[in-house]
């Protein structure tokens, strides 16, 4: 893990040092910058040198991962729209998937120098200090992060109904703009939970492990475990809050 944390900090310098990033548009509200590619290639080369034979599953490449061997799951910049707008809620998200599960996860926001990490069975940490998800608070006393699925404008009305329900039942609503960080903020208790209707494995794999190791429950919107092989809806919250948020989703969407 120490090697991985050093690599993420080194890669983070590419983000904080970037000036006038070149931006390309992949789709509506979906962007990639030359910094995304630079971070990805830096980490790919470094990981391939240290862990030859491991697969690589990343946002900014064509993906056909062989999950019969260990696979790195990477989002070089989770929160690219934030990064482009100089809204400093962006992070590098890296997970190691092997033997059917996520074994290691790390998420680094270089702008705040917050590095979240976890190994399966070993607890969750922020800058090497143990963290724990919210355990006792009621829904009315916590913040809830709602991902707005900006690539899927046809689901805007659904997001609006969920936002209204959260505002009525929780303390308040937040929108981080980085699913990886929202999962980590659930892990350290600064928010009670997070939800988003569709995320790719590189968005949630590392944060899922970190939140789980901090004592949160992480599922899809049906309450099922996440596989990290496919896109999925994601709900994460402390064990005491997860049932209330799952109920909220089901009531709003009539599941």
Protein backbone atom coordinates (compact mmCIF):
# COMPACT_ATOMS: atom_id res chain seq x y z
CA UNK A 1 0.00 0.00 0.00
CA UNK A 2 2.84 2.45 0.73
CA UNK A 3 4.05 2.13 -2.88
CA UNK A 4 0.54 2.80 -4.15
CA UNK A 5 0.11 5.88 -1.96
CA UNK A 6 3.42 7.30 -3.18
CA UNK A 7 2.43 6.71 -6.80
CA UNK A 8 -0.88 8.52 -6.27
CA UNK A 9 0.84 11.48 -4.64
CA UNK A 10 3.32 11.66 -7.53
CA UNK A 11 0.47 11.44 -10.05
CA UNK A 12 -1.42 14.12 -8.13
CA UNK A 13 1.38 16.57 -8.88
CA UNK A 14 0.37 16.32 -12.55
CA UNK A 15 -3.07 17.63 -11.56
CA UNK A 16 -1.97 20.44 -9.26
CA UNK A 17 0.71 21.51 -11.73
CA UNK A 18 -1.59 21.55 -14.76
CA UNK A 19 -2.12 24.87 -16.49
CA UNK A 20 -4.62 25.52 -19.30
CA UNK A 21 -5.60 21.88 -19.72
CA UNK A 22 -6.61 20.85 -23.23
CA UNK A 23 -10.23 19.70 -23.11
CA UNK A 24 -12.04 17.29 -25.43
CA UNK A 25 -15.72 16.43 -25.26
CA UNK A 26 -16.70 12.73 -25.22
CA UNK A 27 -20.42 13.39 -24.94
CA UNK A 28 -22.91 15.72 -23.33
CA UNK A 29 -21.44 16.93 -20.01
CA UNK A 30 -18.66 14.32 -20.47
CA UNK A 31 -15.13 15.67 -20.82
CA UNK A 32 -11.54 14.46 -20.94
CA UNK A 33 -8.39 16.56 -20.59
CA UNK A 34 -4.77 15.98 -21.48
CA UNK A 35 -4.17 15.75 -17.72
CA UNK A 36 -6.55 12.76 -17.43
CA UNK A 37 -4.47 11.01 -20.08
CA UNK A 38 -1.16 12.04 -18.50
CA UNK A 39 -2.19 10.71 -15.08
CA UNK A 40 -3.46 7.47 -16.61
CA UNK A 41 -0.28 6.84 -18.61
CA UNK A 42 1.98 7.73 -15.66
CA UNK A 43 0.19 5.22 -13.44
CA UNK A 44 -0.10 2.57 -16.14
CA UNK A 45 3.64 2.63 -16.78
CA UNK A 46 4.52 2.66 -13.07
CA UNK A 47 2.10 -0.15 -12.19
CA UNK A 48 3.14 -2.29 -15.17
CA UNK A 49 6.77 -1.95 -14.10
CA UNK A 50 6.03 -2.95 -10.50
CA UNK A 51 3.27 -5.50 -11.12
CA UNK A 52 3.87 -7.16 -14.50
CA UNK A 53 1.02 -9.30 -15.77
CA UNK A 54 -1.74 -7.37 -14.01
CA UNK A 55 -4.63 -6.10 -16.14
CA UNK A 56 -5.69 -2.48 -16.48
CA UNK A 57 -9.30 -1.20 -16.52
CA UNK A 58 -9.46 2.58 -16.88
CA UNK A 59 -11.84 5.31 -17.96
CA UNK A 60 -9.70 6.80 -20.71
CA UNK A 61 -9.06 3.67 -22.78
CA UNK A 62 -10.86 0.85 -24.57
CA UNK A 63 -11.49 -1.88 -22.00
CA UNK A 64 -11.59 -5.67 -22.31
CA UNK A 65 -10.20 -6.69 -18.89
CA UNK A 66 -9.39 -10.30 -18.09
CA UNK A 67 -10.80 -10.70 -14.59
CA UNK A 68 -9.21 -14.13 -14.19
CA UNK A 69 -6.02 -12.25 -13.23
CA UNK A 70 -5.50 -9.25 -10.95
CA UNK A 71 -6.78 -6.03 -12.53
CA UNK A 72 -6.11 -2.40 -11.64
CA UNK A 73 -9.28 -0.28 -11.87
CA UNK A 74 -8.40 3.39 -12.40
CA UNK A 75 -10.14 6.70 -12.82
CA UNK A 76 -7.26 9.13 -13.48
CA UNK A 77 -9.42 12.14 -12.61
CA UNK A 78 -12.78 11.43 -11.01
CA UNK A 79 -14.54 14.77 -11.23
CA UNK A 80 -13.11 16.01 -14.54
CA UNK A 81 -15.79 18.71 -14.89
CA UNK A 82 -14.77 20.00 -11.44
CA UNK A 83 -11.10 19.91 -12.47
CA UNK A 84 -11.78 21.90 -15.65
CA UNK A 85 -13.75 24.50 -13.67
CA UNK A 86 -11.06 24.77 -10.96
CA UNK A 87 -13.55 23.44 -8.41
CA UNK A 88 -11.14 21.44 -6.30
CA UNK A 89 -13.22 18.33 -5.68
CA UNK A 90 -11.39 15.94 -8.01
CA UNK A 91 -9.45 12.80 -7.21
CA UNK A 92 -7.41 9.91 -8.54
CA UNK A 93 -9.18 6.63 -7.79
CA UNK A 94 -7.29 3.32 -7.94
CA UNK A 95 -8.45 -0.15 -6.90
CA UNK A 96 -6.99 -3.64 -7.22
CA UNK A 97 -9.53 -6.30 -8.17
CA UNK A 98 -8.51 -9.93 -7.69
CA UNK A 99 -10.19 -13.25 -6.94
CA UNK A 100 -13.62 -11.75 -7.45
CA UNK A 101 -13.31 -8.84 -5.04
CA UNK A 102 -11.62 -5.49 -4.49
CA UNK A 103 -8.51 -6.14 -2.39
CA UNK A 104 -7.12 -2.61 -2.18
CA UNK A 105 -8.40 0.89 -2.79
CA UNK A 106 -6.95 4.39 -2.65
CA UNK A 107 -8.47 7.77 -3.51
CA UNK A 108 -6.34 10.93 -3.53
CA UNK A 109 -7.49 14.55 -3.78
CA UNK A 110 -4.23 16.39 -4.47
CA UNK A 111 -5.83 19.81 -3.93
CA UNK A 112 -6.67 19.04 -0.29
CA UNK A 113 -3.87 16.46 0.11
CA UNK A 114 -6.39 13.97 1.46
CA UNK A 115 -5.46 10.36 0.72
CA UNK A 116 -8.08 7.75 1.61
CA UNK A 117 -7.00 4.11 1.62
CA UNK A 118 -8.10 0.63 2.58
CA UNK A 119 -7.08 -3.00 2.23
CA UNK A 120 -9.72 -5.67 2.60
CA UNK A 121 -10.06 -6.63 6.26
CA UNK A 122 -7.69 -3.90 7.44
CA UNK A 123 -9.95 -0.90 8.08
CA UNK A 124 -10.08 2.46 6.31
CA UNK A 125 -7.77 5.44 6.66
CA UNK A 126 -7.45 9.12 5.81
CA UNK A 127 -3.80 10.20 5.70
CA UNK A 128 -2.96 7.08 7.74
CA UNK A 129 -5.48 7.89 10.49
CA UNK A 130 -8.40 5.44 11.01
CA UNK A 131 -11.81 6.64 9.88
CA UNK A 132 -15.35 5.43 10.55
CA UNK A 133 -18.68 5.99 8.84
CA UNK A 134 -21.57 7.60 10.70
CA UNK A 135 -23.15 5.00 12.99
CA UNK A 136 -25.70 6.67 15.26
CA UNK A 137 -27.28 9.71 13.62
CA UNK A 138 -30.80 9.80 12.24
CA UNK A 139 -31.40 10.70 8.59
CA UNK A 140 -32.81 14.09 9.60
CA UNK A 141 -29.44 14.99 11.15
CA UNK A 142 -27.04 14.16 8.30
CA UNK A 143 -26.02 15.47 4.89
CA UNK A 144 -26.67 13.24 1.87
CA UNK A 145 -24.77 13.48 -1.42
CA UNK A 146 -26.86 12.95 -4.55
CA UNK A 147 -25.08 12.33 -7.84
CA UNK A 148 -26.98 14.02 -10.65
CA UNK A 149 -26.05 11.64 -13.52
CA UNK A 150 -25.18 14.56 -15.84
CA UNK A 151 -24.51 12.25 -18.81
CA UNK A 152 -28.12 11.02 -18.65
CA UNK A 153 -30.33 14.06 -19.10
CA UNK A 154 -33.34 11.78 -19.64
CA UNK A 155 -33.15 10.96 -15.92
CA UNK A 156 -33.21 14.59 -14.75
CA UNK A 157 -36.80 14.38 -13.50
CA UNK A 158 -35.89 11.30 -11.42
CA UNK A 159 -32.95 13.20 -9.90
CA UNK A 160 -35.26 16.09 -9.08
CA UNK A 161 -37.69 13.84 -7.22
CA UNK A 162 -34.86 12.26 -5.24
CA UNK A 163 -33.43 15.69 -4.41
CA UNK A 164 -36.80 16.85 -3.11
CA UNK A 165 -37.17 13.74 -0.94
CA UNK A 166 -33.67 14.16 0.49
CA UNK A 167 -34.27 17.84 1.26
CA UNK A 168 -37.49 16.94 3.08
CA UNK A 169 -36.07 14.04 5.11
CA UNK A 170 -32.35 14.70 5.62
CA UNK A 171 -30.57 17.67 7.17
CA UNK A 172 -29.52 18.91 3.73
CA UNK A 173 -28.40 17.88 0.25
CA UNK A 174 -24.88 17.97 -1.19
CA UNK A 175 -23.41 17.35 -4.65
CA UNK A 176 -19.66 16.71 -4.60
CA UNK A 177 -19.19 16.01 -8.31
CA UNK A 178 -16.82 13.10 -7.67
CA UNK A 179 -18.40 9.77 -6.76
CA UNK A 180 -15.08 8.47 -5.44
CA UNK A 181 -14.84 11.39 -3.01
CA UNK A 182 -18.51 11.13 -2.04
CA UNK A 183 -17.89 7.50 -1.06
CA UNK A 184 -14.83 8.56 0.94
CA UNK A 185 -16.75 11.38 2.62
CA UNK A 186 -19.30 8.75 3.63
CA UNK A 187 -16.42 6.67 4.97
CA UNK A 188 -15.12 9.41 7.27
CA UNK A 189 -18.57 10.54 8.40
CA UNK A 190 -18.60 14.06 7.02
CA UNK A 191 -21.77 13.04 5.15
CA UNK A 192 -24.26 10.37 6.17
CA UNK A 193 -24.48 8.76 2.77
CA UNK A 194 -24.31 9.09 -1.00
CA UNK A 195 -26.31 7.83 -3.95
CA UNK A 196 -26.04 7.94 -7.73
CA UNK A 197 -28.19 6.18 -10.31
CA UNK A 198 -25.40 4.93 -12.58
CA UNK A 199 -21.64 4.76 -12.09
CA UNK A 200 -18.86 2.86 -13.83
CA UNK A 201 -16.51 0.55 -11.91
CA UNK A 202 -13.67 3.06 -12.06
CA UNK A 203 -15.95 5.59 -10.35
CA UNK A 204 -16.83 3.42 -7.38
CA UNK A 205 -14.45 0.45 -6.93
CA UNK A 206 -11.87 2.09 -4.64
CA UNK A 207 -14.40 4.21 -2.74
CA UNK A 208 -16.66 1.19 -2.25
CA UNK A 209 -13.91 -0.69 -0.41
CA UNK A 210 -12.90 2.36 1.63
CA UNK A 211 -16.50 3.01 2.70
CA UNK A 212 -17.11 -0.66 3.48
CA UNK A 213 -13.95 -0.92 5.56
CA UNK A 214 -15.07 2.21 7.46
CA UNK A 215 -18.28 0.44 8.45
CA UNK A 216 -20.64 1.70 5.75
CA UNK A 217 -22.92 -0.52 3.71
CA UNK A 218 -22.48 -0.17 -0.07
CA UNK A 219 -25.03 -1.66 -2.49
CA UNK A 220 -26.91 -0.91 -5.67
CA UNK A 221 -30.38 0.66 -5.49
CA UNK A 222 -31.96 -2.77 -5.12
CA UNK A 223 -29.85 -3.50 -2.04
CA UNK A 224 -27.56 -5.94 -3.90
CA UNK A 225 -23.75 -6.11 -3.65
CA UNK A 226 -21.69 -4.41 -6.37
CA UNK A 227 -19.56 -6.54 -8.69
CA UNK A 228 -17.08 -3.87 -9.91
CA UNK A 229 -17.28 -5.41 -13.39
CA UNK A 230 -20.22 -3.39 -14.69
CA UNK A 231 -21.92 -0.03 -14.41
CA UNK A 232 -24.40 0.09 -11.53
CA UNK A 233 -26.48 2.31 -9.30
CA UNK A 234 -24.69 2.97 -6.00
CA UNK A 235 -25.96 3.67 -2.48
CA UNK A 236 -23.55 3.99 0.45
CA UNK A 237 -24.35 4.89 4.06
CA UNK A 238 -23.65 3.82 7.60
CA UNK A 239 -25.45 0.63 8.59
CA UNK A 240 -28.03 2.61 10.56
CA UNK A 241 -28.77 5.00 7.68
CA UNK A 242 -28.63 2.65 4.70
CA UNK A 243 -32.12 1.14 5.23
CA UNK A 244 -33.70 4.60 5.45
CA UNK A 245 -32.03 5.76 2.23
CA UNK A 246 -32.90 2.54 0.43
CA UNK A 247 -36.51 3.01 1.51
CA UNK A 248 -36.43 6.60 0.27
CA UNK A 249 -35.19 5.49 -3.16
CA UNK A 250 -37.82 2.77 -3.40
CA UNK A 251 -40.62 5.10 -2.41
CA UNK A 252 -39.57 7.86 -4.80
CA UNK A 253 -38.98 5.52 -7.74
CA UNK A 254 -41.77 3.10 -6.73
CA UNK A 255 -39.41 0.12 -6.76
